[in-house]
Structure formats: C-alpha cells, structure tokens
Amino acid sequence: MNRWRNPKATKKAQISPAQKVFELQNQLEDFDLFAKDTLTNLHWTPDQFDDADYFRVMEILAARPAKDRPVDPMQFVKQIQNGQ
C-alpha cells in the first residue's frame, strides 16, 4: 500500500440519480438561456441557431479586442524599457 496516497481522494464522489437528473436539467436550462440570449441579442432565427456550430459560436462570443489580448513577453519588456 502506498502510504503517500490518500485513499479517500481516489474515490469518486457518489451522487444520487435524483442529483444527476437535477444537474442535467440545469445544464439544459443553461443551454436554453444561451439560445435565448443569442436569439434576442444577436437577432438570430431559431433555424440559424440550430444550424450553428456551438463551439464556433462560443469562440466568436469570446473574441477580445486587440488591446485586451496577451502580448509577447519580450515585446512587453521592450515597451517598458523604451518608456512607451
């Protein structure tokens, strides 16, 4: 027996079937809320939403302007050294 391993840490948490159903219902409602927001804010039709690739839509919604994107660390150091 490995004395460094916590035996409780390796066991999977047991959840009841009722808890699993509750979690799945919440996930479905979250997806429906996402659909509602997309239809309302992006003015999509239900057909457009149903035909869209979910992961691509999430990438589009997560896009950041250039000023908020990460910069190359060396470029950042050069900017600081130059006083910009």
PDB file of N, CA and C in Angstrom:
ATOM      1  N   MET A   1       0.837  -1.184   0.000  1.00  0.00           N
ATOM      2  CA  MET A   1       0.000   0.000   0.000  1.00  0.00           C
ATOM      3  C   MET A   1       0.880   1.245   0.000  1.00  0.00           C
ATOM      4  N   ASN A   2       0.512   2.181  -0.821  1.00  0.00           N
ATOM      5  CA  ASN A   2       1.246   3.434  -0.907  1.00  0.00           C
ATOM      6  C   ASN A   2       0.797   4.341   0.231  1.00  0.00           C
ATOM      7  N   ARG A   3       1.704   4.634   1.144  1.00  0.00           N
ATOM      8  CA  ARG A   3       1.321   5.421   2.310  1.00  0.00           C
ATOM      9  C   ARG A   3       1.176   6.907   1.995  1.00  0.00           C
ATOM     10  N   TRP A   4       1.618   7.331   0.819  1.00  0.00           N
ATOM     11  CA  TRP A   4       1.538   8.743   0.458  1.00  0.00           C
ATOM     12  C   TRP A   4       0.203   9.090  -0.189  1.00  0.00           C
ATOM     13  N   ARG A   5      -0.496   8.116  -0.654  1.00  0.00           N
ATOM     14  CA  ARG A   5      -1.758   8.371  -1.344  1.00  0.00           C
ATOM     15  C   ARG A   5      -2.899   8.367  -0.336  1.00  0.00           C
ATOM     16  N   ASN A   6      -3.738   9.343  -0.454  1.00  0.00           N
ATOM     17  CA  ASN A   6      -4.921   9.431   0.399  1.00  0.00           C
ATOM     18  C   ASN A   6      -5.999   8.557  -0.229  1.00  0.00           C
ATOM     19  N   PRO A   7      -6.412   7.482   0.423  1.00  0.00           N
ATOM     20  CA  PRO A   7      -7.389   6.584  -0.184  1.00  0.00           C
ATOM     21  C   PRO A   7      -8.735   7.263  -0.436  1.00  0.00           C
ATOM     22  N   LYS A   8      -9.089   8.250   0.351  1.00  0.00           N
ATOM     23  CA  LYS A   8     -10.359   8.942   0.148  1.00  0.00           C
ATOM     24  C   LYS A   8     -10.313   9.837  -1.093  1.00  0.00           C
ATOM     25  N   ALA A   9      -9.139  10.326  -1.425  1.00  0.00           N
ATOM     26  CA  ALA A   9      -9.005  11.238  -2.561  1.00  0.00           C
ATOM     27  C   ALA A   9      -9.167  10.513  -3.890  1.00  0.00           C
ATOM     28  N   THR A  10      -8.962   9.218  -3.929  1.00  0.00           N
ATOM     29  CA  THR A  10      -9.046   8.493  -5.185  1.00  0.00           C
ATOM     30  C   THR A  10     -10.448   7.965  -5.466  1.00  0.00           C
ATOM     31  N   LYS A  11     -11.324   7.986  -4.475  1.00  0.00           N
ATOM     32  CA  LYS A  11     -12.684   7.504  -4.675  1.00  0.00           C
ATOM     33  C   LYS A  11     -13.515   8.577  -5.362  1.00  0.00           C
ATOM     34  N   LYS A  12     -14.351   8.125  -6.283  1.00  0.00           N
ATOM     35  CA  LYS A  12     -15.251   9.041  -6.961  1.00  0.00           C
ATOM     36  C   LYS A  12     -16.393   9.408  -6.023  1.00  0.00           C
ATOM     37  N   ALA A  13     -16.796  10.646  -6.099  1.00  0.00           N
ATOM     38  CA  ALA A  13     -17.925  11.081  -5.289  1.00  0.00           C
ATOM     39  C   ALA A  13     -19.190  10.410  -5.813  1.00  0.00           C
ATOM     40  N   GLN A  14     -19.949   9.849  -4.914  1.00  0.00           N
ATOM     41  CA  GLN A  14     -21.193   9.193  -5.287  1.00  0.00           C
ATOM     42  C   GLN A  14     -22.326  10.214  -5.239  1.00  0.00           C
ATOM     43  N   ILE A  15     -23.061  10.310  -6.333  1.00  0.00           N
ATOM     44  CA  ILE A  15     -24.226  11.180  -6.331  1.00  0.00           C
ATOM     45  C   ILE A  15     -25.447  10.337  -6.653  1.00  0.00           C
ATOM     46  N   SER A  16     -26.553  10.761  -6.128  1.00  0.00           N
ATOM     47  CA  SER A  16     -27.784  10.002  -6.315  1.00  0.00           C
ATOM     48  C   SER A  16     -28.335  10.254  -7.716  1.00  0.00           C
ATOM     49  N   PRO A  17     -29.178   9.346  -8.203  1.00  0.00           N
ATOM     50  CA  PRO A  17     -29.807   9.576  -9.514  1.00  0.00           C
ATOM     51  C   PRO A  17     -30.616  10.866  -9.538  1.00  0.00           C
ATOM     52  N   ALA A  18     -31.248  11.215  -8.423  1.00  0.00           N
ATOM     53  CA  ALA A  18     -32.027  12.457  -8.380  1.00  0.00           C
ATOM     54  C   ALA A  18     -31.118  13.672  -8.538  1.00  0.00           C
ATOM     55  N   GLN A  19     -29.936  13.645  -7.931  1.00  0.00           N
ATOM     56  CA  GLN A  19     -28.988  14.750  -8.076  1.00  0.00           C
ATOM     57  C   GLN A  19     -28.507  14.849  -9.522  1.00  0.00           C
ATOM     58  N   LYS A  20     -28.260  13.709 -10.160  1.00  0.00           N
ATOM     59  CA  LYS A  20     -27.803  13.702 -11.549  1.00  0.00           C
ATOM     60  C   LYS A  20     -28.867  14.299 -12.467  1.00  0.00           C
ATOM     61  N   VAL A  21     -30.133  13.927 -12.237  1.00  0.00           N
ATOM     62  CA  VAL A  21     -31.231  14.475 -13.040  1.00  0.00           C
ATOM     63  C   VAL A  21     -31.307  15.985 -12.844  1.00  0.00           C
ATOM     64  N   PHE A  22     -31.172  16.440 -11.604  1.00  0.00           N
ATOM     65  CA  PHE A  22     -31.197  17.873 -11.309  1.00  0.00           C
ATOM     66  C   PHE A  22     -30.068  18.589 -12.040  1.00  0.00           C
ATOM     67  N   GLU A  23     -28.866  18.034 -12.023  1.00  0.00           N
ATOM     68  CA  GLU A  23     -27.721  18.638 -12.714  1.00  0.00           C
ATOM     69  C   GLU A  23     -27.963  18.707 -14.221  1.00  0.00           C
ATOM     70  N   LEU A  24     -28.493  17.636 -14.793  1.00  0.00           N
ATOM     71  CA  LEU A  24     -28.752  17.614 -16.235  1.00  0.00           C
ATOM     72  C   LEU A  24     -29.832  18.623 -16.615  1.00  0.00           C
ATOM     73  N   GLN A  25     -30.866  18.742 -15.778  1.00  0.00           N
ATOM     74  CA  GLN A  25     -31.901  19.741 -16.050  1.00  0.00           C
ATOM     75  C   GLN A  25     -31.324  21.147 -16.016  1.00  0.00           C
ATOM     76  N   ASN A  26     -30.437  21.409 -15.078  1.00  0.00           N
ATOM     77  CA  ASN A  26     -29.794  22.722 -15.010  1.00  0.00           C
ATOM     78  C   ASN A  26     -28.926  22.979 -16.231  1.00  0.00           C
ATOM     79  N   GLN A  27     -28.211  21.964 -16.712  1.00  0.00           N
ATOM     80  CA  GLN A  27     -27.392  22.133 -17.909  1.00  0.00           C
ATOM     81  C   GLN A  27     -28.260  22.437 -19.125  1.00  0.00           C
ATOM     82  N   LEU A  28     -29.381  21.749 -19.250  1.00  0.00           N
ATOM     83  CA  LEU A  28     -30.297  22.015 -20.362  1.00  0.00           C
ATOM     84  C   LEU A  28     -30.875  23.421 -20.276  1.00  0.00           C
ATOM     85  N   GLU A  29     -31.213  23.843 -19.074  1.00  0.00           N
ATOM     86  CA  GLU A  29     -31.743  25.193 -18.921  1.00  0.00           C
ATOM     87  C   GLU A  29     -30.670  26.240 -19.223  1.00  0.00           C
ATOM     88  N   ASP A  30     -29.421  25.972 -18.858  1.00  0.00           N
ATOM     89  CA  ASP A  30     -28.324  26.882 -19.211  1.00  0.00           C
ATOM     90  C   ASP A  30     -28.184  27.007 -20.723  1.00  0.00           C
ATOM     91  N   PHE A  31     -28.305  25.882 -21.419  1.00  0.00           N
ATOM     92  CA  PHE A  31     -28.210  25.919 -22.876  1.00  0.00           C
ATOM     93  C   PHE A  31     -29.391  26.677 -23.469  1.00  0.00           C
ATOM     94  N   ASP A  32     -30.583  26.486 -22.914  1.00  0.00           N
ATOM     95  CA  ASP A  32     -31.749  27.224 -23.395  1.00  0.00           C
ATOM     96  C   ASP A  32     -31.582  28.723 -23.153  1.00  0.00           C
ATOM     97  N   LEU A  33     -30.989  29.092 -22.033  1.00  0.00           N
ATOM     98  CA  LEU A  33     -30.738  30.512 -21.751  1.00  0.00           C
ATOM     99  C   LEU A  33     -29.740  31.080 -22.759  1.00  0.00           C
ATOM    100  N   PHE A  34     -28.719  30.286 -23.100  1.00  0.00           N
ATOM    101  CA  PHE A  34     -27.762  30.714 -24.114  1.00  0.00           C
ATOM    102  C   PHE A  34     -28.476  30.925 -25.448  1.00  0.00           C
ATOM    103  N   ALA A  35     -29.374  30.018 -25.800  1.00  0.00           N
ATOM    104  CA  ALA A  35     -30.135  30.157 -27.044  1.00  0.00           C
ATOM    105  C   ALA A  35     -31.000  31.412 -27.004  1.00  0.00           C
ATOM    106  N   LYS A  36     -31.658  31.638 -25.879  1.00  0.00           N
ATOM    107  CA  LYS A  36     -32.500  32.825 -25.733  1.00  0.00           C
ATOM    108  C   LYS A  36     -31.684  34.097 -25.903  1.00  0.00           C
ATOM    109  N   ASP A  37     -30.519  34.156 -25.268  1.00  0.00           N
ATOM    110  CA  ASP A  37     -29.657  35.335 -25.391  1.00  0.00           C
ATOM    111  C   ASP A  37     -29.192  35.537 -26.822  1.00  0.00           C
ATOM    112  N   THR A  38     -28.871  34.442 -27.492  1.00  0.00           N
ATOM    113  CA  THR A  38     -28.418  34.541 -28.886  1.00  0.00           C
ATOM    114  C   THR A  38     -29.538  35.024 -29.790  1.00  0.00           C
ATOM    115  N   LEU A  39     -30.721  34.480 -29.597  1.00  0.00           N
ATOM    116  CA  LEU A  39     -31.855  34.899 -30.423  1.00  0.00           C
ATOM    117  C   LEU A  39     -32.215  36.356 -30.160  1.00  0.00           C
ATOM    118  N   THR A  40     -32.123  36.771 -28.905  1.00  0.00           N
ATOM    119  CA  THR A  40     -32.506  38.133 -28.531  1.00  0.00           C
ATOM    120  C   THR A  40     -31.440  39.151 -28.909  1.00  0.00           C
ATOM    121  N   ASN A  41     -30.195  38.894 -28.508  1.00  0.00           N
ATOM    122  CA  ASN A  41     -29.142  39.893 -28.665  1.00  0.00           C
ATOM    123  C   ASN A  41     -28.487  39.883 -30.042  1.00  0.00           C
ATOM    124  N   LEU A  42     -28.380  38.723 -30.663  1.00  0.00           N
ATOM    125  CA  LEU A  42     -27.755  38.660 -31.986  1.00  0.00           C
ATOM    126  C   LEU A  42     -28.784  38.649 -33.110  1.00  0.00           C
ATOM    127  N   HIS A  43     -30.064  38.648 -32.736  1.00  0.00           N
ATOM    128  CA  HIS A  43     -31.172  38.693 -33.698  1.00  0.00           C
ATOM    129  C   HIS A  43     -31.127  37.522 -34.680  1.00  0.00           C
ATOM    130  N   TRP A  44     -30.805  36.361 -34.152  1.00  0.00           N
ATOM    131  CA  TRP A  44     -30.795  35.154 -34.973  1.00  0.00           C
ATOM    132  C   TRP A  44     -32.187  34.543 -34.981  1.00  0.00           C
ATOM    133  N   THR A  45     -32.448  33.773 -36.027  1.00  0.00           N
ATOM    134  CA  THR A  45     -33.678  32.983 -36.054  1.00  0.00           C
ATOM    135  C   THR A  45     -33.388  31.651 -35.366  1.00  0.00           C
ATOM    136  N   PRO A  46     -34.422  30.952 -34.923  1.00  0.00           N
ATOM    137  CA  PRO A  46     -34.188  29.630 -34.326  1.00  0.00           C
ATOM    138  C   PRO A  46     -33.471  28.671 -35.274  1.00  0.00           C
ATOM    139  N   ASP A  47     -33.776  28.759 -36.565  1.00  0.00           N
ATOM    140  CA  ASP A  47     -33.092  27.889 -37.533  1.00  0.00           C
ATOM    141  C   ASP A  47     -31.605  28.214 -37.615  1.00  0.00           C
ATOM    142  N   GLN A  48     -31.260  29.497 -37.590  1.00  0.00           N
ATOM    143  CA  GLN A  48     -29.849  29.874 -37.619  1.00  0.00           C
ATOM    144  C   GLN A  48     -29.134  29.349 -36.386  1.00  0.00           C
ATOM    145  N   PHE A  49     -29.779  29.446 -35.232  1.00  0.00           N
ATOM    146  CA  PHE A  49     -29.153  28.954 -34.002  1.00  0.00           C
ATOM    147  C   PHE A  49     -28.985  27.443 -34.048  1.00  0.00           C
ATOM    148  N   ASP A  50     -29.996  26.729 -34.493  1.00  0.00           N
ATOM    149  CA  ASP A  50     -29.927  25.266 -34.532  1.00  0.00           C
ATOM    150  C   ASP A  50     -28.884  24.765 -35.522  1.00  0.00           C
ATOM    151  N   ASP A  51     -28.649  25.525 -36.600  1.00  0.00           N
ATOM    152  CA  ASP A  51     -27.679  25.109 -37.616  1.00  0.00           C
ATOM    153  C   ASP A  51     -26.253  25.548 -37.297  1.00  0.00           C
ATOM    154  N   ALA A  52     -26.082  26.407 -36.314  1.00  0.00           N
ATOM    155  CA  ALA A  52     -24.752  26.939 -35.990  1.00  0.00           C
ATOM    156  C   ALA A  52     -23.955  25.931 -35.173  1.00  0.00           C
ATOM    157  N   ASP A  53     -22.649  25.947 -35.376  1.00  0.00           N
ATOM    158  CA  ASP A  53     -21.743  25.106 -34.588  1.00  0.00           C
ATOM    159  C   ASP A  53     -21.562  25.750 -33.216  1.00  0.00           C
ATOM    160  N   TYR A  54     -21.931  25.049 -32.162  1.00  0.00           N
ATOM    161  CA  TYR A  54     -21.905  25.594 -30.803  1.00  0.00           C
ATOM    162  C   TYR A  54     -20.519  26.116 -30.433  1.00  0.00           C
ATOM    163  N   PHE A  55     -19.488  25.329 -30.698  1.00  0.00           N
ATOM    164  CA  PHE A  55     -18.134  25.709 -30.286  1.00  0.00           C
ATOM    165  C   PHE A  55     -17.649  26.934 -31.051  1.00  0.00           C
ATOM    166  N   ARG A  56     -18.030  27.048 -32.310  1.00  0.00           N
ATOM    167  CA  ARG A  56     -17.631  28.231 -33.089  1.00  0.00           C
ATOM    168  C   ARG A  56     -18.347  29.479 -32.563  1.00  0.00           C
ATOM    169  N   VAL A  57     -19.611  29.350 -32.219  1.00  0.00           N
ATOM    170  CA  VAL A  57     -20.346  30.485 -31.662  1.00  0.00           C
ATOM    171  C   VAL A  57     -19.694  30.934 -30.358  1.00  0.00           C
ATOM    172  N   MET A  58     -19.286  29.984 -29.525  1.00  0.00           N
ATOM    173  CA  MET A  58     -18.630  30.336 -28.267  1.00  0.00           C
ATOM    174  C   MET A  58     -17.300  31.045 -28.510  1.00  0.00           C
ATOM    175  N   GLU A  59     -16.555  30.619 -29.536  1.00  0.00           N
ATOM    176  CA  GLU A  59     -15.302  31.296 -29.877  1.00  0.00           C
ATOM    177  C   GLU A  59     -15.570  32.729 -30.314  1.00  0.00           C
ATOM    178  N   ILE A  60     -16.608  32.917 -31.117  1.00  0.00           N
ATOM    179  CA  ILE A  60     -16.941  34.253 -31.602  1.00  0.00           C
ATOM    180  C   ILE A  60     -17.326  35.161 -30.442  1.00  0.00           C
ATOM    181  N   LEU A  61     -18.144  34.659 -29.528  1.00  0.00           N
ATOM    182  CA  LEU A  61     -18.593  35.469 -28.400  1.00  0.00           C
ATOM    183  C   LEU A  61     -17.458  35.772 -27.423  1.00  0.00           C
ATOM    184  N   ALA A  62     -16.416  34.953 -27.426  1.00  0.00           N
ATOM    185  CA  ALA A  62     -15.292  35.157 -26.514  1.00  0.00           C
ATOM    186  C   ALA A  62     -14.176  36.000 -27.130  1.00  0.00           C
ATOM    187  N   ALA A  63     -14.349  36.448 -28.367  1.00  0.00           N
ATOM    188  CA  ALA A  63     -13.307  37.234 -29.033  1.00  0.00           C
ATOM    189  C   ALA A  63     -13.043  38.523 -28.270  1.00  0.00           C
ATOM    190  N   ARG A  64     -11.752  38.894 -28.191  1.00  0.00           N
ATOM    191  CA  ARG A  64     -11.346  40.099 -27.459  1.00  0.00           C
ATOM    192  C   ARG A  64     -10.742  41.107 -28.416  1.00  0.00           C
ATOM    193  N   PRO A  65     -10.891  42.406 -28.106  1.00  0.00           N
ATOM    194  CA  PRO A  65     -10.226  43.423 -28.918  1.00  0.00           C
ATOM    195  C   PRO A  65      -8.712  43.306 -28.771  1.00  0.00           C
ATOM    196  N   ALA A  66      -7.977  43.871 -29.711  1.00  0.00           N
ATOM    197  CA  ALA A  66      -6.515  43.746 -29.734  1.00  0.00           C
ATOM    198  C   ALA A  66      -5.869  44.250 -28.450  1.00  0.00           C
ATOM    199  N   LYS A  67      -6.406  45.305 -27.860  1.00  0.00           N
ATOM    200  CA  LYS A  67      -5.788  45.857 -26.648  1.00  0.00           C
ATOM    201  C   LYS A  67      -5.942  44.940 -25.437  1.00  0.00           C
ATOM    202  N   ASP A  68      -6.889  44.012 -25.467  1.00  0.00           N
ATOM    203  CA  ASP A  68      -7.124  43.104 -24.346  1.00  0.00           C
ATOM    204  C   ASP A  68      -6.484  41.731 -24.523  1.00  0.00           C
ATOM    205  N   ARG A  69      -5.812  41.519 -25.641  1.00  0.00           N
ATOM    206  CA  ARG A  69      -5.185  40.219 -25.895  1.00  0.00           C
ATOM    207  C   ARG A  69      -3.812  40.139 -25.242  1.00  0.00           C
ATOM    208  N   PRO A  70      -3.343  38.926 -24.953  1.00  0.00           N
ATOM    209  CA  PRO A  70      -1.995  38.782 -24.399  1.00  0.00           C
ATOM    210  C   PRO A  70      -0.943  39.262 -25.405  1.00  0.00           C
ATOM    211  N   VAL A  71       0.148  39.786 -24.881  1.00  0.00           N
ATOM    212  CA  VAL A  71       1.234  40.240 -25.745  1.00  0.00           C
ATOM    213  C   VAL A  71       2.448  39.347 -25.528  1.00  0.00           C
ATOM    214  N   ASP A  72       3.352  39.397 -26.487  1.00  0.00           N
ATOM    215  CA  ASP A  72       4.597  38.660 -26.387  1.00  0.00           C
ATOM    216  C   ASP A  72       5.389  39.225 -25.209  1.00  0.00           C
ATOM    217  N   PRO A  73       5.869  38.388 -24.296  1.00  0.00           N
ATOM    218  CA  PRO A  73       6.592  38.898 -23.127  1.00  0.00           C
ATOM    219  C   PRO A  73       7.805  39.750 -23.485  1.00  0.00           C
ATOM    220  N   MET A  74       8.537  39.380 -24.505  1.00  0.00           N
ATOM    221  CA  MET A  74       9.712  40.171 -24.888  1.00  0.00           C
ATOM    222  C   MET A  74       9.301  41.533 -25.438  1.00  0.00           C
ATOM    223  N   GLN A  75       8.220  41.560 -26.191  1.00  0.00           N
ATOM    224  CA  GLN A  75       7.727  42.837 -26.704  1.00  0.00           C
ATOM    225  C   GLN A  75       7.287  43.731 -25.541  1.00  0.00           C
ATOM    226  N   PHE A  76       6.669  43.139 -24.544  1.00  0.00           N
ATOM    227  CA  PHE A  76       6.240  43.887 -23.363  1.00  0.00           C
ATOM    228  C   PHE A  76       7.442  44.479 -22.632  1.00  0.00           C
ATOM    229  N   VAL A  77       8.499  43.691 -22.459  1.00  0.00           N
ATOM    230  CA  VAL A  77       9.705  44.175 -21.788  1.00  0.00           C
ATOM    231  C   VAL A  77      10.331  45.320 -22.589  1.00  0.00           C
ATOM    232  N   LYS A  78      10.380  45.202 -23.905  1.00  0.00           N
ATOM    233  CA  LYS A  78      10.931  46.263 -24.742  1.00  0.00           C
ATOM    234  C   LYS A  78      10.122  47.544 -24.616  1.00  0.00           C
ATOM    235  N   GLN A  79       8.779  47.400 -24.531  1.00  0.00           N
ATOM    236  CA  GLN A  79       7.923  48.577 -24.375  1.00  0.00           C
ATOM    237  C   GLN A  79       8.202  49.285 -23.047  1.00  0.00           C
ATOM    238  N   ILE A  80       8.408  48.500 -22.008  1.00  0.00           N
ATOM    239  CA  ILE A  80       8.695  49.088 -20.693  1.00  0.00           C
ATOM    240  C   ILE A  80      10.054  49.775 -20.704  1.00  0.00           C
ATOM    241  N   GLN A  81      11.042  49.142 -21.334  1.00  0.00           N
ATOM    242  CA  GLN A  81      12.382  49.728 -21.376  1.00  0.00           C
ATOM    243  C   GLN A  81      12.393  51.018 -22.184  1.00  0.00           C
ATOM    244  N   ASN A  82      11.597  51.096 -23.218  1.00  0.00           N
ATOM    245  CA  ASN A  82      11.545  52.285 -24.066  1.00  0.00           C
ATOM    246  C   ASN A  82      10.634  53.366 -23.483  1.00  0.00           C
ATOM    247  N   GLY A  83       9.928  53.028 -22.412  1.00  0.00           N
ATOM    248  CA  GLY A  83       9.060  54.008 -21.758  1.00  0.00           C
ATOM    249  C   GLY A  83       7.774  54.269 -22.505  1.00  0.00           C
ATOM    250  N   GLN A  84       7.321  53.339 -23.253  1.00  0.00           N
ATOM    251  CA  GLN A  84       6.080  53.521 -24.020  1.00  0.00           C
ATOM    252  C   GLN A  84       4.886  53.114 -23.220  1.00  0.00           C
TER     253      GLN A  84
END
